[in-house]
C-alpha atoms as a PDB file:
ATOM      1  CA  MET A   1      64.806 -25.225   8.155  1.00  0.00           C
ATOM      2  CA  LYS A   2      63.573 -21.471   8.240  1.00  0.00           C
ATOM      3  CA  THR A   3      62.132 -22.028   4.895  1.00  0.00           C
ATOM      4  CA  SER A   4      60.159 -25.087   5.965  1.00  0.00           C
ATOM      5  CA  ASN A   5      59.087 -23.022   8.819  1.00  0.00           C
ATOM      6  CA  LEU A   6      58.039 -19.911   6.419  1.00  0.00           C
ATOM      7  CA  PHE A   7      56.784 -22.376   3.978  1.00  0.00           C
ATOM      8  CA  LYS A   8      54.203 -23.716   7.124  1.00  0.00           C
ATOM      9  CA  LEU A   9      53.496 -20.311   8.309  1.00  0.00           C
ATOM     10  CA  GLY A  10      52.606 -19.041   4.568  1.00  0.00           C
ATOM     11  CA  MET A  11      50.389 -22.378   4.125  1.00  0.00           C
ATOM     12  CA  MET A  12      48.843 -21.899   7.782  1.00  0.00           C
ATOM     13  CA  MET A  13      47.827 -17.822   6.824  1.00  0.00           C
ATOM     14  CA  ILE A  14      46.599 -18.837   3.574  1.00  0.00           C
ATOM     15  CA  ALA A  15      44.621 -21.308   5.385  1.00  0.00           C
ATOM     16  CA  ALA A  16      43.091 -18.786   8.114  1.00  0.00           C
ATOM     17  CA  LEU A  17      42.656 -15.950   4.893  1.00  0.00           C
ATOM     18  CA  ALA A  18      40.530 -18.966   3.562  1.00  0.00           C
ATOM     19  CA  ILE A  19      38.387 -19.803   6.319  1.00  0.00           C
ATOM     20  CA  SER A  20      37.957 -16.280   7.219  1.00  0.00           C
ATOM     21  CA  PHE A  21      36.602 -14.944   3.798  1.00  0.00           C
ATOM     22  CA  THR A  22      34.261 -18.249   3.889  1.00  0.00           C
ATOM     23  CA  SER A  23      33.060 -17.382   7.032  1.00  0.00           C
ATOM     24  CA  CYS A  24      32.361 -13.701   5.942  1.00  0.00           C
ATOM     25  CA  LYS A  25      30.706 -14.655   3.147  1.00  0.00           C
ATOM     26  CA  LYS A  26      28.359 -17.499   4.631  1.00  0.00           C
ATOM     27  CA  ASP A  27      27.173 -14.927   7.342  1.00  0.00           C
ATOM     28  CA  LYS A  28      26.398 -12.360   4.415  1.00  0.00           C
ATOM     29  CA  THR A  29      24.752 -14.943   2.514  1.00  0.00           C
ATOM     30  CA  GLU A  30      22.728 -15.979   5.191  1.00  0.00           C
ATOM     31  CA  ALA A  31      21.598 -12.259   6.083  1.00  0.00           C
ATOM     32  CA  GLU A  32      20.267 -11.219   2.661  1.00  0.00           C
ATOM     33  CA  PRO A  33      17.246 -13.563   2.894  1.00  0.00           C
ATOM     34  CA  ASP A  34      16.250 -12.547   6.084  1.00  0.00           C
ATOM     35  CA  SER A  35      14.090  -9.431   4.693  1.00  0.00           C
ATOM     36  CA  GLY A  36      13.556 -10.866   1.567  1.00  0.00           C
ATOM     37  CA  SER A  37       9.427 -11.376   2.707  1.00  0.00           C
ATOM     38  CA  LEU A  38       9.765  -8.401   4.677  1.00  0.00           C
ATOM     39  CA  GLN A  39      10.986  -6.374   1.536  1.00  0.00           C
ATOM     40  CA  GLN A  40       7.999  -8.072  -0.557  1.00  0.00           C
ATOM     41  CA  LEU A  41       5.269  -7.435   1.957  1.00  0.00           C
ATOM     42  CA  SER A  42       6.524  -3.694   2.015  1.00  0.00           C
ATOM     43  CA  LYS A  43       6.347  -3.453  -1.695  1.00  0.00           C
ATOM     44  CA  ASP A  44       3.037  -5.616  -1.909  1.00  0.00           C
ATOM     45  CA  GLN A  45       1.117  -3.230   0.392  1.00  0.00           C
ATOM     46  CA  VAL A  46       2.511  -0.070  -1.535  1.00  0.00           C
ATOM     47  CA  THR A  47       1.223  -1.427  -4.959  1.00  0.00           C
ATOM     48  CA  VAL A  48      -2.260  -2.597  -3.392  1.00  0.00           C
ATOM     49  CA  GLU A  49      -3.353   0.262  -1.309  1.00  0.00           C
ATOM     50  CA  SER A  50      -2.225   2.779  -4.345  1.00  0.00           C
ATOM     51  CA  ALA A  51      -4.300   0.577  -7.054  1.00  0.00           C
ATOM     52  CA  SER A  52      -7.459  -0.049  -4.713  1.00  0.00           C
ATOM     53  CA  ASP A  53      -7.298   3.983  -3.886  1.00  0.00           C
ATOM     54  CA  ASP A  54      -7.315   5.060  -7.404  1.00  0.00           C
ATOM     55  CA  ALA A  55     -10.352   2.900  -8.254  1.00  0.00           C
ATOM     56  CA  MET A  56     -12.082   4.206  -4.751  1.00  0.00           C
ATOM     57  CA  SER A  57     -11.429   7.978  -5.809  1.00  0.00           C
ATOM     58  CA  ASP A  58     -13.500   7.260  -9.042  1.00  0.00           C
ATOM     59  CA  ALA A  59     -15.914   5.913  -7.241  1.00  0.00           C
ATOM     60  CA  ASN A  60     -15.980   8.603  -4.836  1.00  0.00           C
ATOM     61  CA  ASP A  61     -16.209  10.523  -7.970  1.00  0.00           C
ATOM     62  CA  VAL A  62     -19.454   8.835  -9.025  1.00  0.00           C
ATOM     63  CA  LEU A  63     -20.794   8.488  -5.907  1.00  0.00           C
ATOM     64  CA  SER A  64     -20.566  12.349  -5.160  1.00  0.00           C
ATOM     65  CA  SER A  65     -21.176  13.980  -8.702  1.00  0.00           C
ATOM     66  CA  THR A  66     -24.868  14.909  -9.262  1.00  0.00           C
ATOM     67  CA  ALA A  67     -23.742  16.286 -12.964  1.00  0.00           C
ATOM     68  CA  LYS A  68     -23.165  12.738 -13.850  1.00  0.00           C
ATOM     69  CA  ILE A  69     -19.736  13.132 -14.936  1.00  0.00           C
ATOM     70  CA  LEU A  70     -17.633   9.779 -15.490  1.00  0.00           C
ATOM     71  CA  PRO A  71     -13.658   9.577 -14.980  1.00  0.00           C
ATOM     72  CA  CYS A  72     -11.780   8.709 -17.726  1.00  0.00           C
ATOM     73  CA  ASN A  73     -12.007   5.366 -19.188  1.00  0.00           C
ATOM     74  CA  VAL A  74     -14.814   4.092 -16.903  1.00  0.00           C
ATOM     75  CA  THR A  75     -18.448   3.459 -18.018  1.00  0.00           C
ATOM     76  CA  ASN A  76     -21.457   3.162 -15.298  1.00  0.00           C
ATOM     77  CA  VAL A  77     -24.683   1.303 -15.197  1.00  0.00           C
ATOM     78  CA  PRO A  78     -26.623   2.315 -12.503  1.00  0.00           C
ATOM     79  CA  ASP A  79     -29.608  -0.377 -11.202  1.00  0.00           C
ATOM     80  CA  THR A  80     -32.279   0.441  -8.903  1.00  0.00           C
ATOM     81  CA  LEU A  81     -33.686  -2.438  -6.827  1.00  0.00           C
ATOM     82  CA  ASN A  82     -36.003  -2.125  -3.944  1.00  0.00           C
ATOM     83  CA  ASP A  83     -34.393   0.596  -1.672  1.00  0.00           C
ATOM     84  CA  THR A  84     -30.956   0.122  -3.301  1.00  0.00           C
ATOM     85  CA  ILE A  85     -28.911   1.348  -5.749  1.00  0.00           C
ATOM     86  CA  THR A  86     -25.825  -0.138  -7.605  1.00  0.00           C
ATOM     87  CA  TYR A  87     -23.239   1.318  -9.866  1.00  0.00           C
ATOM     88  CA  THR A  88     -21.725  -0.593 -11.817  1.00  0.00           C
ATOM     89  CA  LEU A  89     -18.333   0.790 -13.182  1.00  0.00           C
ATOM     90  CA  THR A  90     -16.500  -1.105 -15.803  1.00  0.00           C
ATOM     91  CA  PHE A  91     -12.865   0.364 -16.253  1.00  0.00           C
ATOM     92  CA  ASN A  92     -11.054   0.120 -19.667  1.00  0.00           C
ATOM     93  CA  GLY A  93      -8.058   2.176 -20.020  1.00  0.00           C
ATOM     94  CA  LEU A  94      -6.086   4.762 -18.476  1.00  0.00           C
ATOM     95  CA  ASN A  95      -7.090   6.806 -15.567  1.00  0.00           C
ATOM     96  CA  CYS A  96      -7.552  10.459 -16.131  1.00  0.00           C
ATOM     97  CA  SER A  97      -3.563  11.373 -15.136  1.00  0.00           C
ATOM     98  CA  GLY A  98      -2.184   8.840 -17.552  1.00  0.00           C
ATOM     99  CA  THR A  99      -0.585   6.913 -14.790  1.00  0.00           C
ATOM    100  CA  ARG A 100      -2.663   3.645 -14.640  1.00  0.00           C
ATOM    101  CA  ILE A 101      -4.416   1.291 -16.518  1.00  0.00           C
ATOM    102  CA  ARG A 102      -7.441  -0.038 -15.148  1.00  0.00           C
ATOM    103  CA  GLU A 103      -9.378  -3.432 -16.692  1.00  0.00           C
ATOM    104  CA  GLY A 104     -12.261  -4.395 -14.645  1.00  0.00           C
ATOM    105  CA  VAL A 105     -15.542  -4.007 -12.694  1.00  0.00           C
ATOM    106  CA  VAL A 106     -16.228  -2.462  -9.224  1.00  0.00           C
ATOM    107  CA  LYS A 107     -19.860  -2.320  -8.329  1.00  0.00           C
ATOM    108  CA  VAL A 108     -20.439   0.502  -5.663  1.00  0.00           C
ATOM    109  CA  LYS A 109     -23.834  -0.126  -3.524  1.00  0.00           C
ATOM    110  CA  ARG A 110     -25.570   1.894  -1.537  1.00  0.00           C
ATOM    111  CA  SER A 111     -29.134   2.563  -0.192  1.00  0.00           C
ATOM    112  CA  VAL A 112     -31.490   4.675  -2.638  1.00  0.00           C
ATOM    113  CA  ASN A 113     -32.715   7.118   0.350  1.00  0.00           C
ATOM    114  CA  THR A 114     -29.155   7.956   2.022  1.00  0.00           C
ATOM    115  CA  PRO A 115     -26.902  10.156  -0.335  1.00  0.00           C
ATOM    116  CA  TRP A 116     -23.043   9.243  -0.040  1.00  0.00           C
ATOM    117  CA  SER A 117     -22.846  13.232   1.451  1.00  0.00           C
ATOM    118  CA  GLN A 118     -24.628  12.684   4.442  1.00  0.00           C
ATOM    119  CA  THR A 119     -22.737  11.868   7.859  1.00  0.00           C
ATOM    120  CA  GLY A 120     -22.600   8.239   8.507  1.00  0.00           C
ATOM    121  CA  THR A 121     -23.375   6.610   5.081  1.00  0.00           C
ATOM    122  CA  VAL A 122     -22.079   3.172   4.357  1.00  0.00           C
ATOM    123  CA  VAL A 123     -21.422   2.079   1.077  1.00  0.00           C
ATOM    124  CA  THR A 124     -20.095  -1.652  -0.487  1.00  0.00           C
ATOM    125  CA  VAL A 125     -17.160  -1.703  -2.652  1.00  0.00           C
ATOM    126  CA  ASN A 126     -16.918  -5.000  -4.725  1.00  0.00           C
ATOM    127  CA  PHE A 127     -13.886  -5.416  -6.694  1.00  0.00           C
ATOM    128  CA  ILE A 128     -14.548  -7.636  -9.291  1.00  0.00           C
ATOM    129  CA  ASN A 129     -10.987  -9.038 -11.536  1.00  0.00           C
ATOM    130  CA  LEU A 130      -9.807  -5.371 -11.269  1.00  0.00           C
ATOM    131  CA  LYS A 131      -6.498  -5.196 -13.283  1.00  0.00           C
ATOM    132  CA  ILE A 132      -4.372  -2.275 -12.483  1.00  0.00           C
ATOM    133  CA  THR A 133      -0.852  -1.693 -14.353  1.00  0.00           C
ATOM    134  CA  LYS A 134       1.343   1.103 -13.358  1.00  0.00           C
ATOM    135  CA  VAL A 135       2.364   2.926 -16.316  1.00  0.00           C
ATOM    136  CA  ASN A 136       5.842   3.586 -15.464  1.00  0.00           C
ATOM    137  CA  THR A 137       6.754   0.359 -14.495  1.00  0.00           C
ATOM    138  CA  GLY A 138       4.302  -2.252 -15.982  1.00  0.00           C
ATOM    139  CA  ASN A 139       3.781  -3.636 -12.752  1.00  0.00           C
ATOM    140  CA  TRP A 140       0.265  -5.102 -12.512  1.00  0.00           C
ATOM    141  CA  VAL A 141      -1.757  -6.405  -9.633  1.00  0.00           C
ATOM    142  CA  ILE A 142      -5.363  -7.831  -9.706  1.00  0.00           C
ATOM    143  CA  LEU A 143      -7.757  -6.938  -7.071  1.00  0.00           C
ATOM    144  CA  ASN A 144     -11.367  -9.058  -6.188  1.00  0.00           C
ATOM    145  CA  GLY A 145     -12.910  -8.811  -2.602  1.00  0.00           C
ATOM    146  CA  ILE A 146     -15.729  -6.324  -0.972  1.00  0.00           C
ATOM    147  CA  LYS A 147     -14.828  -3.467   1.191  1.00  0.00           C
ATOM    148  CA  THR A 148     -17.425  -1.534   3.540  1.00  0.00           C
ATOM    149  CA  TRP A 149     -16.826   2.203   3.140  1.00  0.00           C
ATOM    150  CA  THR A 150     -18.487   4.654   5.490  1.00  0.00           C
ATOM    151  CA  ASN A 151     -18.373   8.822   5.036  1.00  0.00           C
ATOM    152  CA  VAL A 152     -17.954   9.456   9.092  1.00  0.00           C
ATOM    153  CA  SER A 153     -17.752  13.682   8.666  1.00  0.00           C
ATOM    154  CA  GLY A 154     -20.277  13.453   5.817  1.00  0.00           C
ATOM    155  CA  GLY A 155     -19.655  16.070   2.833  1.00  0.00           C
ATOM    156  CA  VAL A 156     -17.762  15.327  -0.547  1.00  0.00           C
ATOM    157  CA  ILE A 157     -14.099  15.672  -1.539  1.00  0.00           C
ATOM    158  CA  ALA A 158     -15.115  18.000  -4.070  1.00  0.00           C
ATOM    159  CA  ASN A 159     -16.193  20.391  -1.615  1.00  0.00           C
ATOM    160  CA  LEU A 160     -12.695  20.512  -0.206  1.00  0.00           C
ATOM    161  CA  GLY A 161     -11.160  24.588   0.161  1.00  0.00           C
ATOM    162  CA  THR A 162     -14.736  25.959  -0.017  1.00  0.00           C
ATOM    163  CA  THR A 163     -17.597  24.708   2.231  1.00  0.00           C
ATOM    164  CA  ALA A 164     -15.424  21.802   3.445  1.00  0.00           C
ATOM    165  CA  THR A 165     -11.881  21.696   5.100  1.00  0.00           C
ATOM    166  CA  ALA A 166     -11.668  18.171   6.063  1.00  0.00           C
ATOM    167  CA  ILE A 167     -13.432  14.895   5.299  1.00  0.00           C
ATOM    168  CA  VAL A 168     -13.303  11.899   7.341  1.00  0.00           C
ATOM    169  CA  HIS A 169     -14.188   8.166   5.391  1.00  0.00           C
ATOM    170  CA  LYS A 170     -13.277   4.475   7.392  1.00  0.00           C
ATOM    171  CA  VAL A 171     -12.536   1.781   4.776  1.00  0.00           C
ATOM    172  CA  SER A 172     -12.861  -2.193   5.962  1.00  0.00           C
ATOM    173  CA  GLY A 173     -12.978  -5.507   4.532  1.00  0.00           C
ATOM    174  CA  VAL A 174     -11.195  -8.528   2.782  1.00  0.00           C
ATOM    175  CA  LEU A 175      -9.449  -8.054  -0.602  1.00  0.00           C
ATOM    176  CA  ASN A 176      -7.144 -10.644  -2.447  1.00  0.00           C
ATOM    177  CA  ALA A 177      -4.618  -9.954  -5.042  1.00  0.00           C
ATOM    178  CA  THR A 178      -2.779 -11.637  -7.283  1.00  0.00           C
ATOM    179  CA  PHE A 179       0.341  -9.933  -8.370  1.00  0.00           C
ATOM    180  CA  ASN A 180       2.878 -10.211 -11.639  1.00  0.00           C
ATOM    181  CA  ASP A 181       4.260 -13.384 -10.880  1.00  0.00           C
ATOM    182  CA  ASN A 182       0.567 -15.182 -10.266  1.00  0.00           C
ATOM    183  CA  THR A 183       1.288 -15.783  -6.421  1.00  0.00           C
ATOM    184  CA  THR A 184      -1.308 -14.369  -4.279  1.00  0.00           C
ATOM    185  CA  ARG A 185      -1.947 -12.602  -1.032  1.00  0.00           C
ATOM    186  CA  ALA A 186      -5.540 -12.170   1.145  1.00  0.00           C
ATOM    187  CA  TRP A 187      -5.462 -10.171   3.801  1.00  0.00           C
ATOM    188  CA  ASN A 188      -8.018  -7.948   5.954  1.00  0.00           C
ATOM    189  CA  ILE A 189      -8.217  -3.844   6.328  1.00  0.00           C
ATOM    190  CA  ALA A 190      -9.189  -1.104   8.386  1.00  0.00           C
ATOM    191  CA  ARG A 191      -7.902   2.140   7.733  1.00  0.00           C
ATOM    192  CA  GLN A 192      -9.227   5.712   8.614  1.00  0.00           C
ATOM    193  CA  LYS A 193      -8.889   8.195   5.905  1.00  0.00           C
ATOM    194  CA  THR A 194      -9.047  12.093   6.585  1.00  0.00           C
ATOM    195  CA  TYR A 195      -8.803  14.208   3.739  1.00  0.00           C
ATOM    196  CA  THR A 196      -7.597  17.673   3.375  1.00  0.00           C
ATOM    197  CA  GLY A 197      -6.544  20.498   1.543  1.00  0.00           C
ATOM    198  CA  THR A 198      -8.055  21.765  -1.846  1.00  0.00           C
ATOM    199  CA  TYR A 199     -10.047  20.115  -4.714  1.00  0.00           C
ATOM    200  CA  PRO A 200      -9.330  19.095  -7.376  1.00  0.00           C
ATOM    201  CA  ASN A 201      -5.735  18.887  -7.728  1.00  0.00           C
ATOM    202  CA  ASP A 202      -4.224  19.848  -4.134  1.00  0.00           C
ATOM    203  CA  ILE A 203      -5.716  17.201  -1.904  1.00  0.00           C
ATOM    204  CA  VAL A 204      -3.798  15.533   0.882  1.00  0.00           C
ATOM    205  CA  ARG A 205      -4.791  11.828   2.337  1.00  0.00           C
ATOM    206  CA  SER A 206      -3.832  11.038   6.201  1.00  0.00           C
ATOM    207  CA  VAL A 207      -4.080   7.210   6.659  1.00  0.00           C
ATOM    208  CA  ASP A 208      -4.552   5.788   9.919  1.00  0.00           C
ATOM    209  CA  GLY A 209      -5.270   2.122  10.800  1.00  0.00           C
ATOM    210  CA  PHE A 210      -8.031   1.322  13.322  1.00  0.00           C
ATOM    211  CA  GLY A 211      -7.877  -2.402  13.709  1.00  0.00           C
ATOM    212  CA  SER A 212      -7.542  -5.152  16.267  1.00  0.00           C
ATOM    213  CA  ALA A 213      -6.020  -8.694  15.943  1.00  0.00           C
ATOM    214  CA  ASN A 214      -4.717 -11.390  18.052  1.00  0.00           C
ATOM    215  CA  GLY A 215      -3.400  -8.589  20.862  1.00  0.00           C
ATOM    216  CA  TYR A 216      -2.034  -6.266  17.860  1.00  0.00           C
ATOM    217  CA  ASN A 217      -3.999  -2.769  17.370  1.00  0.00           C
ATOM    218  CA  GLN A 218      -2.912   0.237  15.159  1.00  0.00           C
ATOM    219  CA  LEU A 219      -3.989  -2.141  12.433  1.00  0.00           C
ATOM    220  CA  GLU A 220      -4.268  -1.046   8.652  1.00  0.00           C
ATOM    221  CA  ALA A 221      -3.902  -4.745   7.214  1.00  0.00           C
ATOM    222  CA  TRP A 222      -3.331  -7.972   8.606  1.00  0.00           C
ATOM    223  CA  GLY A 223      -3.562 -11.823   6.802  1.00  0.00           C
ATOM    224  CA  ILE A 224      -1.380 -14.037   4.648  1.00  0.00           C
ATOM    225  CA  ASN A 225       1.281 -12.476   2.590  1.00  0.00           C
ATOM    226  CA  ARG A 226       2.323 -14.299  -0.641  1.00  0.00           C
ATOM    227  CA  HIS A 227       5.039 -16.449   1.008  1.00  0.00           C
ATOM    228  CA  GLY A 228       2.211 -17.961   3.047  1.00  0.00           C
ATOM    229  CA  GLU A 229       3.100 -16.100   6.076  1.00  0.00           C
ATOM    230  CA  GLN A 230       0.533 -14.479   8.712  1.00  0.00           C
ATOM    231  CA  PHE A 231       1.712 -10.715   8.805  1.00  0.00           C
ATOM    232  CA  TYR A 232       0.059  -8.001  10.861  1.00  0.00           C
ATOM    233  CA  THR A 233       0.824  -4.062   9.831  1.00  0.00           C
ATOM    234  CA  GLN A 234       0.718  -1.033  11.742  1.00  0.00           C
ATOM    235  CA  ILE A 235       0.764   2.553  10.942  1.00  0.00           C
ATOM    236  CA  LEU A 236       2.704   3.691  14.288  1.00  0.00           C
ATOM    237  CA  GLN A 237       2.631   7.560  12.493  1.00  0.00           C
ATOM    238  CA  THR A 238       0.105   8.412  10.032  1.00  0.00           C
ATOM    239  CA  VAL A 239       0.683   8.373   6.715  1.00  0.00           C
ATOM    240  CA  VAL A 240       0.488  11.405   4.624  1.00  0.00           C
ATOM    241  CA  MET A 241       0.011  11.172   0.540  1.00  0.00           C
ATOM    242  CA  ARG A 242      -0.616  13.898  -1.708  1.00  0.00           C
ATOM    243  CA  LYS A 243      -2.526  13.710  -5.293  1.00  0.00           C
ATOM    244  CA  ALA A 244      -0.100  15.958  -6.697  1.00  0.00           C
ATOM    245  CA  CYS A 245       2.274  13.087  -5.998  1.00  0.00           C
ATOM    246  CA  ASP A 246       0.113  10.149  -7.269  1.00  0.00           C
ATOM    247  CA  TRP A 247      -0.584   9.272  -3.448  1.00  0.00           C
ATOM    248  CA  ASP A 248       2.905   7.982  -3.151  1.00  0.00           C
ATOM    249  CA  ALA A 249       3.632   8.222   0.581  1.00  0.00           C
ATOM    250  CA  SER A 250       5.415  11.322   1.579  1.00  0.00           C
ATOM    251  CA  SER A 251       5.519  10.808   5.044  1.00  0.00           C
ATOM    252  CA  GLY A 252       4.605   8.213   8.337  1.00  0.00           C
ATOM    253  CA  ILE A 253       5.845   5.191   9.640  1.00  0.00           C
ATOM    254  CA  VAL A 254       4.502   1.796   9.338  1.00  0.00           C
ATOM    255  CA  LYS A 255       5.878  -1.709  10.994  1.00  0.00           C
ATOM    256  CA  HIS A 256       5.373  -5.055   9.196  1.00  0.00           C
ATOM    257  CA  GLN A 257       5.383  -7.845  11.873  1.00  0.00           C
ATOM    258  CA  ILE A 258       5.638 -11.790  11.115  1.00  0.00           C
ATOM    259  CA  PRO A 259       5.656 -13.684  14.254  1.00  0.00           C
ATOM    260  CA  SER A 260       5.811 -17.375  13.001  1.00  0.00           C
ATOM    261  CA  ASP A 261       9.269 -16.263  11.904  1.00  0.00           C
ATOM    262  CA  ASN A 262      10.507 -13.910  14.446  1.00  0.00           C
ATOM    263  CA  LYS A 263      10.826 -10.851  12.206  1.00  0.00           C
ATOM    264  CA  SER A 264       9.538  -7.390  11.744  1.00  0.00           C
ATOM    265  CA  ALA A 265      10.161  -4.169   9.246  1.00  0.00           C
ATOM    266  CA  THR A 266       9.634  -0.815  10.074  1.00  0.00           C
ATOM    267  CA  ILE A 267       9.183   1.363   7.074  1.00  0.00           C
ATOM    268  CA  THR A 268       9.665   5.015   7.377  1.00  0.00           C
ATOM    269  CA  PHE A 269       8.159   7.029   3.809  1.00  0.00           C
ATOM    270  CA  GLY A 270       9.448  10.178   2.015  1.00  0.00           C
ATOM    271  CA  PHE A 271      13.186   9.704   0.728  1.00  0.00           C
ATOM    272  CA  ASP A 272      14.394  10.960  -2.309  1.00  0.00           C
ATOM    273  CA  SER A 273      16.879   9.540  -4.734  1.00  0.00           C
ATOM    274  CA  SER A 274      19.895   9.994  -2.766  1.00  0.00           C
ATOM    275  CA  ASN A 275      18.254   8.219   0.405  1.00  0.00           C
ATOM    276  CA  GLN A 276      17.332  11.566   1.847  1.00  0.00           C
ATOM    277  CA  PRO A 277      14.267  12.804   3.670  1.00  0.00           C
ATOM    278  CA  ILE A 278      12.059  15.123   0.839  1.00  0.00           C
ATOM    279  CA  THR A 279      11.304  18.469   1.908  1.00  0.00           C
ATOM    280  CA  GLY A 280       8.844  21.466   0.907  1.00  0.00           C
ATOM    281  CA  THR A 281       6.421  20.236  -1.717  1.00  0.00           C
ATOM    282  CA  ASN A 282       8.867  17.783  -3.565  1.00  0.00           C
ATOM    283  CA  CYS A 283       7.831  14.262  -4.213  1.00  0.00           C
ATOM    284  CA  PRO A 284       8.884  10.953  -2.476  1.00  0.00           C
ATOM    285  CA  TYR A 285      11.394   8.503  -4.622  1.00  0.00           C
ATOM    286  CA  GLU A 286      11.637   6.184  -2.254  1.00  0.00           C
ATOM    287  CA  TYR A 287      11.348   4.545   1.372  1.00  0.00           C
ATOM    288  CA  LYS A 288      13.241   3.122   4.139  1.00  0.00           C
ATOM    289  CA  VAL A 289      13.072  -0.504   5.410  1.00  0.00           C
ATOM    290  CA  ASP A 290      14.420  -1.153   8.548  1.00  0.00           C
ATOM    291  CA  TRP A 291      14.540  -4.762   9.398  1.00  0.00           C
ATOM    292  CA  VAL A 292      14.954  -7.244  12.216  1.00  0.00           C
ATOM    293  CA  LYS A 293      15.298 -10.741  12.393  1.00  0.00           C
ATOM    294  CA  ASN A 294      16.740 -12.580  15.554  1.00  0.00           C
ATOM    295  CA  THR A 295      19.885 -11.402  15.942  1.00  0.00           C
ATOM    296  CA  HIS A 296      19.770  -9.830  12.398  1.00  0.00           C
ATOM    297  CA  SER A 297      19.139  -6.146  10.828  1.00  0.00           C
ATOM    298  CA  GLY A 298      19.579  -4.283   8.104  1.00  0.00           C
ATOM    299  CA  THR A 299      18.910  -0.910   6.422  1.00  0.00           C
ATOM    300  CA  LEU A 300      17.497  -0.716   2.806  1.00  0.00           C
ATOM    301  CA  TYR A 301      15.730   2.189   0.388  1.00  0.00           C
ATOM    302  CA  ILE A 302      13.308   0.523  -1.934  1.00  0.00           C
ATOM    303  CA  VAL A 303      12.352   2.594  -4.560  1.00  0.00           C
ATOM    304  CA  ILE A 304       8.489   3.284  -4.849  1.00  0.00           C
ATOM    305  CA  PRO A 305       6.893   0.254  -7.011  1.00  0.00           C
END
């Protein structure tokens, strides 16, 4: 009788453990996909912004230069028609810092009578199948679309540290991106960028969002992600980047929201490989993602793509 009872008790305990293990495993499995599109959205945001800014930096150099000195592996064919001049920049190789390979075309158009250095000057920037590959990861993105670029403050970045202490630009427009797996993403952009520091190597870029849509403000980007979801990205705390760190974000807070699936992710920039905030002039290695979906939540550290 005792042996029979012990046997039954043992079987009950095994069954209970099996149920408990299955429940835990199921919960973990369900929680993991909750942050998947948010993680991808954060990676895409970092990838596309740094890629497009790399090309925009070269376009800025062309607009600002009077000596006709071109960036590395870029040709420029200017064409004047009536009262506008268009610079056709063809990219074919490494950037000057050796961190990205660029292939494709960017066309920059401005008024002949309005130099880029003049306060309030507006130019259009047209990305045409511009493929940018990050050397250390092999990740690439192809950009198409048009941006409107305004020199709010006047002056040029090349004068930082001498005759200028801050240069303010505003960038808005629509971009389409194609990624390594041939998925695409389309979104609106509304960013204000303030440049400080000393030209050429000690430049700091601070980015804020000025867009508004569907009740959201402080937007830097919004549109459709590669999963077909409507998203909104707000800058809650100014994002700071340094040229010395290849423009990877050293500080700042960004929030991604996907209302249709009731999920969001708050991105905090500026962490080292040990998940600790960077200090001094150290460059970031990863960023933190605090995600929420319904009753699920979690924290991740993602290596900068």
